[in-house]
Amino acid sequence: MARLSAALFAPALAGLVLFGQTPVPSRAQVPPEKDAGWQSDVGGLRHFTGLRCPDTIGPFFRIKVMKGDAVSLAGCIYTGRNGITAVLRKHLEATGRREARTFSRNYKAAGFEPVKLSGAAASGISFRTRNWTPVSLYETFWYFTGARADYTLWLSYSLPEQEEEVGPAIAAFTQALASQN
């Protein structure tokens, strides 16, 4: 049996401090949300741009936060009952309409079928993104203009199973956005 040198394990243990026999993460490691500009806030997280992402919005639970990119300043991903998914993003002021046009153009270019829906989904831009199964998957995009920023909400849900959940979801996210400004 060959002897293994401690030098072989050095790279794997570089970020760890050993206490007794158990490796413990060093203080130098930063949680990913803090590295991306997120701080703990009462009932959720707050990005340095001002976006607040509560732990819950209506029946939705936050599952991830996103740092800014070329499209948005920051965002959060939520999941609801039966797999309904929501992505809330904060954008620069007066850019929401442009993001909506880009969403529509990209989905059409990908070959998805634009659809007109009723109820709360009627005010958004909707596409059927899966129609080859008994349950059709829809994705709807809304944009909102705030006093100092614009916001977008993307929702993925199935019809007819989750039809009754779309209206309350929009109401819950709209109410959460009202507290952003």
C-alpha atoms as a PDB file:
ATOM      1  CA  MET A   1       0.000   0.000   0.000  1.00  0.00           C
ATOM      2  CA  ALA A   2       1.446   3.383  -0.978  1.00  0.00           C
ATOM      3  CA  ARG A   3       1.799   6.181   1.536  1.00  0.00           C
ATOM      4  CA  LEU A   4      -0.107   9.338   0.732  1.00  0.00           C
ATOM      5  CA  SER A   5       1.598  12.606   1.376  1.00  0.00           C
ATOM      6  CA  ALA A   6      -0.199  15.370   3.287  1.00  0.00           C
ATOM      7  CA  ALA A   7       0.712  17.644   0.369  1.00  0.00           C
ATOM      8  CA  LEU A   8      -1.795  15.777  -1.795  1.00  0.00           C
ATOM      9  CA  PHE A   9      -4.613  16.875   0.499  1.00  0.00           C
ATOM     10  CA  ALA A  10      -3.514  20.493   0.940  1.00  0.00           C
ATOM     11  CA  PRO A  11      -5.582  21.907  -1.967  1.00  0.00           C
ATOM     12  CA  ALA A  12      -8.746  20.216  -0.719  1.00  0.00           C
ATOM     13  CA  LEU A  13      -8.259  21.566   2.789  1.00  0.00           C
ATOM     14  CA  ALA A  14      -7.138  25.072   1.804  1.00  0.00           C
ATOM     15  CA  GLY A  15     -10.388  26.744   2.952  1.00  0.00           C
ATOM     16  CA  LEU A  16     -10.759  24.698   6.125  1.00  0.00           C
ATOM     17  CA  VAL A  17      -9.426  25.068   9.643  1.00  0.00           C
ATOM     18  CA  LEU A  18      -9.009  21.846  11.584  1.00  0.00           C
ATOM     19  CA  PHE A  19     -10.285  21.588  15.160  1.00  0.00           C
ATOM     20  CA  GLY A  20      -9.509  18.149  16.497  1.00  0.00           C
ATOM     21  CA  GLN A  21     -10.429  15.692  13.760  1.00  0.00           C
ATOM     22  CA  THR A  22     -13.362  17.601  12.216  1.00  0.00           C
ATOM     23  CA  PRO A  23     -12.770  20.106   9.388  1.00  0.00           C
ATOM     24  CA  VAL A  24     -14.660  23.374   9.957  1.00  0.00           C
ATOM     25  CA  PRO A  25     -15.136  26.102   7.299  1.00  0.00           C
ATOM     26  CA  SER A  26     -12.842  29.070   7.837  1.00  0.00           C
ATOM     27  CA  ARG A  27     -14.197  32.580   8.398  1.00  0.00           C
ATOM     28  CA  ALA A  28     -12.767  33.572   5.012  1.00  0.00           C
ATOM     29  CA  GLN A  29     -15.616  31.789   3.230  1.00  0.00           C
ATOM     30  CA  VAL A  30     -18.519  34.139   2.480  1.00  0.00           C
ATOM     31  CA  PRO A  31     -22.076  32.890   1.894  1.00  0.00           C
ATOM     32  CA  PRO A  32     -22.925  33.257  -1.814  1.00  0.00           C
ATOM     33  CA  GLU A  33     -25.797  35.688  -1.163  1.00  0.00           C
ATOM     34  CA  LYS A  34     -23.501  38.102   0.719  1.00  0.00           C
ATOM     35  CA  ASP A  35     -20.929  37.910  -2.056  1.00  0.00           C
ATOM     36  CA  ALA A  36     -23.658  38.951  -4.528  1.00  0.00           C
ATOM     37  CA  GLY A  37     -24.740  41.987  -2.460  1.00  0.00           C
ATOM     38  CA  TRP A  38     -27.470  40.417  -0.303  1.00  0.00           C
ATOM     39  CA  GLN A  39     -27.883  41.051   3.423  1.00  0.00           C
ATOM     40  CA  SER A  40     -30.264  39.522   5.951  1.00  0.00           C
ATOM     41  CA  ASP A  41     -33.316  41.670   6.517  1.00  0.00           C
ATOM     42  CA  VAL A  42     -36.346  41.249   8.744  1.00  0.00           C
ATOM     43  CA  GLY A  43     -38.307  38.420   7.154  1.00  0.00           C
ATOM     44  CA  GLY A  44     -35.992  37.945   4.183  1.00  0.00           C
ATOM     45  CA  LEU A  45     -33.037  39.338   2.266  1.00  0.00           C
ATOM     46  CA  ARG A  46     -32.250  42.808   0.946  1.00  0.00           C
ATOM     47  CA  HIS A  47     -29.956  43.582  -1.977  1.00  0.00           C
ATOM     48  CA  PHE A  48     -27.705  46.652  -1.871  1.00  0.00           C
ATOM     49  CA  THR A  49     -29.799  48.084  -4.751  1.00  0.00           C
ATOM     50  CA  GLY A  50     -32.807  48.143  -2.412  1.00  0.00           C
ATOM     51  CA  LEU A  51     -34.676  45.078  -3.685  1.00  0.00           C
ATOM     52  CA  ARG A  52     -36.256  43.219  -0.787  1.00  0.00           C
ATOM     53  CA  CYS A  53     -36.978  39.526  -1.208  1.00  0.00           C
ATOM     54  CA  PRO A  54     -39.105  38.289   1.676  1.00  0.00           C
ATOM     55  CA  ASP A  55     -38.812  34.640   2.672  1.00  0.00           C
ATOM     56  CA  THR A  56     -42.435  34.236   1.575  1.00  0.00           C
ATOM     57  CA  ILE A  57     -44.758  36.144  -0.717  1.00  0.00           C
ATOM     58  CA  GLY A  58     -48.297  34.844  -0.431  1.00  0.00           C
ATOM     59  CA  PRO A  59     -48.064  31.063  -0.819  1.00  0.00           C
ATOM     60  CA  PHE A  60     -44.605  31.329  -2.466  1.00  0.00           C
ATOM     61  CA  PHE A  61     -41.294  30.515  -0.777  1.00  0.00           C
ATOM     62  CA  ARG A  62     -38.035  32.119  -1.848  1.00  0.00           C
ATOM     63  CA  ILE A  63     -35.616  29.443  -3.054  1.00  0.00           C
ATOM     64  CA  LYS A  64     -32.808  31.553  -4.526  1.00  0.00           C
ATOM     65  CA  VAL A  65     -31.528  35.112  -4.915  1.00  0.00           C
ATOM     66  CA  MET A  66     -29.696  36.357  -7.976  1.00  0.00           C
ATOM     67  CA  LYS A  67     -27.040  38.994  -8.352  1.00  0.00           C
ATOM     68  CA  GLY A  68     -27.305  41.662 -10.996  1.00  0.00           C
ATOM     69  CA  ASP A  69     -26.517  40.976 -14.621  1.00  0.00           C
ATOM     70  CA  ALA A  70     -26.847  42.710 -17.980  1.00  0.00           C
ATOM     71  CA  VAL A  71     -30.647  42.583 -17.675  1.00  0.00           C
ATOM     72  CA  SER A  72     -31.474  43.262 -14.036  1.00  0.00           C
ATOM     73  CA  LEU A  73     -30.035  44.810 -10.894  1.00  0.00           C
ATOM     74  CA  ALA A  74     -31.010  41.799  -8.758  1.00  0.00           C
ATOM     75  CA  GLY A  75     -33.703  39.151  -8.520  1.00  0.00           C
ATOM     76  CA  CYS A  76     -35.275  36.341  -6.518  1.00  0.00           C
ATOM     77  CA  ILE A  77     -36.773  33.005  -7.451  1.00  0.00           C
ATOM     78  CA  TYR A  78     -39.843  31.695  -5.658  1.00  0.00           C
ATOM     79  CA  THR A  79     -41.724  28.429  -5.809  1.00  0.00           C
ATOM     80  CA  GLY A  80     -45.358  27.826  -4.968  1.00  0.00           C
ATOM     81  CA  ARG A  81     -47.769  24.957  -4.720  1.00  0.00           C
ATOM     82  CA  ASN A  82     -47.493  22.175  -7.258  1.00  0.00           C
ATOM     83  CA  GLY A  83     -44.342  23.562  -8.864  1.00  0.00           C
ATOM     84  CA  ILE A  84     -45.558  26.995  -9.943  1.00  0.00           C
ATOM     85  CA  THR A  85     -42.443  29.191 -10.251  1.00  0.00           C
ATOM     86  CA  ALA A  86     -41.986  32.962 -10.058  1.00  0.00           C
ATOM     87  CA  VAL A  87     -38.962  35.148 -10.803  1.00  0.00           C
ATOM     88  CA  LEU A  88     -39.057  38.721  -9.502  1.00  0.00           C
ATOM     89  CA  ARG A  89     -36.423  41.169 -10.803  1.00  0.00           C
ATOM     90  CA  LYS A  90     -35.517  44.783 -10.245  1.00  0.00           C
ATOM     91  CA  HIS A  91     -34.413  46.856 -13.255  1.00  0.00           C
ATOM     92  CA  LEU A  92     -33.201  50.353 -13.930  1.00  0.00           C
ATOM     93  CA  GLU A  93     -35.941  52.974 -14.078  1.00  0.00           C
ATOM     94  CA  ALA A  94     -37.840  53.074 -17.408  1.00  0.00           C
ATOM     95  CA  THR A  95     -36.465  49.742 -18.720  1.00  0.00           C
ATOM     96  CA  GLY A  96     -39.404  47.422 -17.942  1.00  0.00           C
ATOM     97  CA  ARG A  97     -41.148  47.946 -21.282  1.00  0.00           C
ATOM     98  CA  ARG A  98     -37.916  47.154 -23.134  1.00  0.00           C
ATOM     99  CA  GLU A  99     -37.502  43.942 -21.090  1.00  0.00           C
ATOM    100  CA  ALA A 100     -41.076  42.938 -21.963  1.00  0.00           C
ATOM    101  CA  ARG A 101     -40.401  43.458 -25.682  1.00  0.00           C
ATOM    102  CA  THR A 102     -37.186  41.448 -25.420  1.00  0.00           C
ATOM    103  CA  PHE A 103     -39.019  38.624 -23.626  1.00  0.00           C
ATOM    104  CA  SER A 104     -41.690  38.513 -26.334  1.00  0.00           C
ATOM    105  CA  ARG A 105     -39.203  38.675 -29.202  1.00  0.00           C
ATOM    106  CA  ASN A 106     -36.999  35.924 -27.715  1.00  0.00           C
ATOM    107  CA  TYR A 107     -39.880  33.543 -27.026  1.00  0.00           C
ATOM    108  CA  LYS A 108     -41.285  34.028 -30.536  1.00  0.00           C
ATOM    109  CA  ALA A 109     -37.816  33.433 -32.014  1.00  0.00           C
ATOM    110  CA  ALA A 110     -37.583  30.204 -30.000  1.00  0.00           C
ATOM    111  CA  GLY A 111     -40.793  29.012 -31.665  1.00  0.00           C
ATOM    112  CA  PHE A 112     -43.119  29.281 -28.676  1.00  0.00           C
ATOM    113  CA  GLU A 113     -46.759  30.048 -29.317  1.00  0.00           C
ATOM    114  CA  PRO A 114     -48.016  33.408 -28.010  1.00  0.00           C
ATOM    115  CA  VAL A 115     -51.440  33.106 -26.395  1.00  0.00           C
ATOM    116  CA  LYS A 116     -54.102  35.449 -25.045  1.00  0.00           C
ATOM    117  CA  LEU A 117     -55.246  34.348 -21.616  1.00  0.00           C
ATOM    118  CA  SER A 118     -58.026  35.610 -19.397  1.00  0.00           C
ATOM    119  CA  GLY A 119     -58.045  36.727 -15.787  1.00  0.00           C
ATOM    120  CA  ALA A 120     -54.846  38.030 -14.194  1.00  0.00           C
ATOM    121  CA  ALA A 121     -52.716  36.541 -16.979  1.00  0.00           C
ATOM    122  CA  ALA A 122     -54.468  38.763 -19.543  1.00  0.00           C
ATOM    123  CA  SER A 123     -52.405  41.758 -18.438  1.00  0.00           C
ATOM    124  CA  GLY A 124     -49.111  39.964 -19.115  1.00  0.00           C
ATOM    125  CA  ILE A 125     -47.328  38.546 -22.148  1.00  0.00           C
ATOM    126  CA  SER A 126     -48.023  34.818 -22.288  1.00  0.00           C
ATOM    127  CA  PHE A 127     -46.619  31.890 -24.234  1.00  0.00           C
ATOM    128  CA  ARG A 128     -47.481  28.211 -24.312  1.00  0.00           C
ATOM    129  CA  THR A 129     -44.128  26.530 -23.852  1.00  0.00           C
ATOM    130  CA  ARG A 130     -45.268  22.911 -23.679  1.00  0.00           C
ATOM    131  CA  ASN A 131     -48.316  21.520 -25.416  1.00  0.00           C
ATOM    132  CA  TRP A 132     -47.311  17.935 -26.176  1.00  0.00           C
ATOM    133  CA  THR A 133     -48.429  16.556 -22.816  1.00  0.00           C
ATOM    134  CA  PRO A 134     -51.915  16.389 -21.253  1.00  0.00           C
ATOM    135  CA  VAL A 135     -51.006  19.449 -19.165  1.00  0.00           C
ATOM    136  CA  SER A 136     -49.864  22.562 -21.043  1.00  0.00           C
ATOM    137  CA  LEU A 137     -47.128  24.732 -19.551  1.00  0.00           C
ATOM    138  CA  TYR A 138     -47.476  28.518 -19.809  1.00  0.00           C
ATOM    139  CA  GLU A 139     -45.062  31.313 -19.057  1.00  0.00           C
ATOM    140  CA  THR A 140     -46.287  34.853 -18.485  1.00  0.00           C
ATOM    141  CA  PHE A 141     -44.246  38.036 -18.099  1.00  0.00           C
ATOM    142  CA  TRP A 142     -45.413  41.275 -16.491  1.00  0.00           C
ATOM    143  CA  TYR A 143     -43.549  44.532 -16.001  1.00  0.00           C
ATOM    144  CA  PHE A 144     -44.263  47.184 -13.407  1.00  0.00           C
ATOM    145  CA  THR A 145     -43.115  50.776 -13.277  1.00  0.00           C
ATOM    146  CA  GLY A 146     -42.065  52.017  -9.861  1.00  0.00           C
ATOM    147  CA  ALA A 147     -41.120  55.454  -8.571  1.00  0.00           C
ATOM    148  CA  ARG A 148     -37.365  54.787  -8.792  1.00  0.00           C
ATOM    149  CA  ALA A 149     -37.065  51.453 -10.618  1.00  0.00           C
ATOM    150  CA  ASP A 150     -38.938  49.023 -12.823  1.00  0.00           C
ATOM    151  CA  TYR A 151     -39.735  45.450 -11.877  1.00  0.00           C
ATOM    152  CA  THR A 152     -40.582  42.320 -13.833  1.00  0.00           C
ATOM    153  CA  LEU A 153     -42.344  39.158 -12.807  1.00  0.00           C
ATOM    154  CA  TRP A 154     -42.139  35.906 -14.747  1.00  0.00           C
ATOM    155  CA  LEU A 155     -44.494  33.090 -13.826  1.00  0.00           C
ATOM    156  CA  SER A 156     -44.417  29.484 -15.045  1.00  0.00           C
ATOM    157  CA  TYR A 157     -47.550  27.415 -14.439  1.00  0.00           C
ATOM    158  CA  SER A 158     -49.715  24.706 -15.943  1.00  0.00           C
ATOM    159  CA  LEU A 159     -53.248  25.054 -17.221  1.00  0.00           C
ATOM    160  CA  PRO A 160     -55.909  24.192 -16.371  1.00  0.00           C
ATOM    161  CA  GLU A 161     -54.503  22.792 -13.070  1.00  0.00           C
ATOM    162  CA  GLN A 162     -53.042  26.027 -11.701  1.00  0.00           C
ATOM    163  CA  GLU A 163     -55.422  28.532 -13.313  1.00  0.00           C
ATOM    164  CA  GLU A 164     -56.957  29.541  -9.987  1.00  0.00           C
ATOM    165  CA  GLU A 165     -53.506  30.236  -8.482  1.00  0.00           C
ATOM    166  CA  VAL A 166     -52.381  32.832 -11.059  1.00  0.00           C
ATOM    167  CA  GLY A 167     -54.636  35.676  -9.851  1.00  0.00           C
ATOM    168  CA  PRO A 168     -53.690  35.375  -6.169  1.00  0.00           C
ATOM    169  CA  ALA A 169     -50.007  35.062  -7.159  1.00  0.00           C
ATOM    170  CA  ILE A 170     -50.125  38.328  -9.124  1.00  0.00           C
ATOM    171  CA  ALA A 171     -51.936  40.028  -6.252  1.00  0.00           C
ATOM    172  CA  ALA A 172     -49.335  38.826  -3.714  1.00  0.00           C
ATOM    173  CA  PHE A 173     -46.364  39.911  -5.835  1.00  0.00           C
ATOM    174  CA  THR A 174     -47.980  43.254  -6.687  1.00  0.00           C
ATOM    175  CA  GLN A 175     -48.513  43.910  -2.993  1.00  0.00           C
ATOM    176  CA  ALA A 176     -44.876  42.988  -2.261  1.00  0.00           C
ATOM    177  CA  LEU A 177     -43.729  45.338  -5.030  1.00  0.00           C
ATOM    178  CA  ALA A 178     -45.813  48.181  -3.642  1.00  0.00           C
ATOM    179  CA  SER A 179     -43.638  48.084  -0.526  1.00  0.00           C
ATOM    180  CA  GLN A 180     -40.447  48.364  -2.609  1.00  0.00           C
ATOM    181  CA  ASN A 181     -40.892  52.035  -3.470  1.00  0.00           C
END
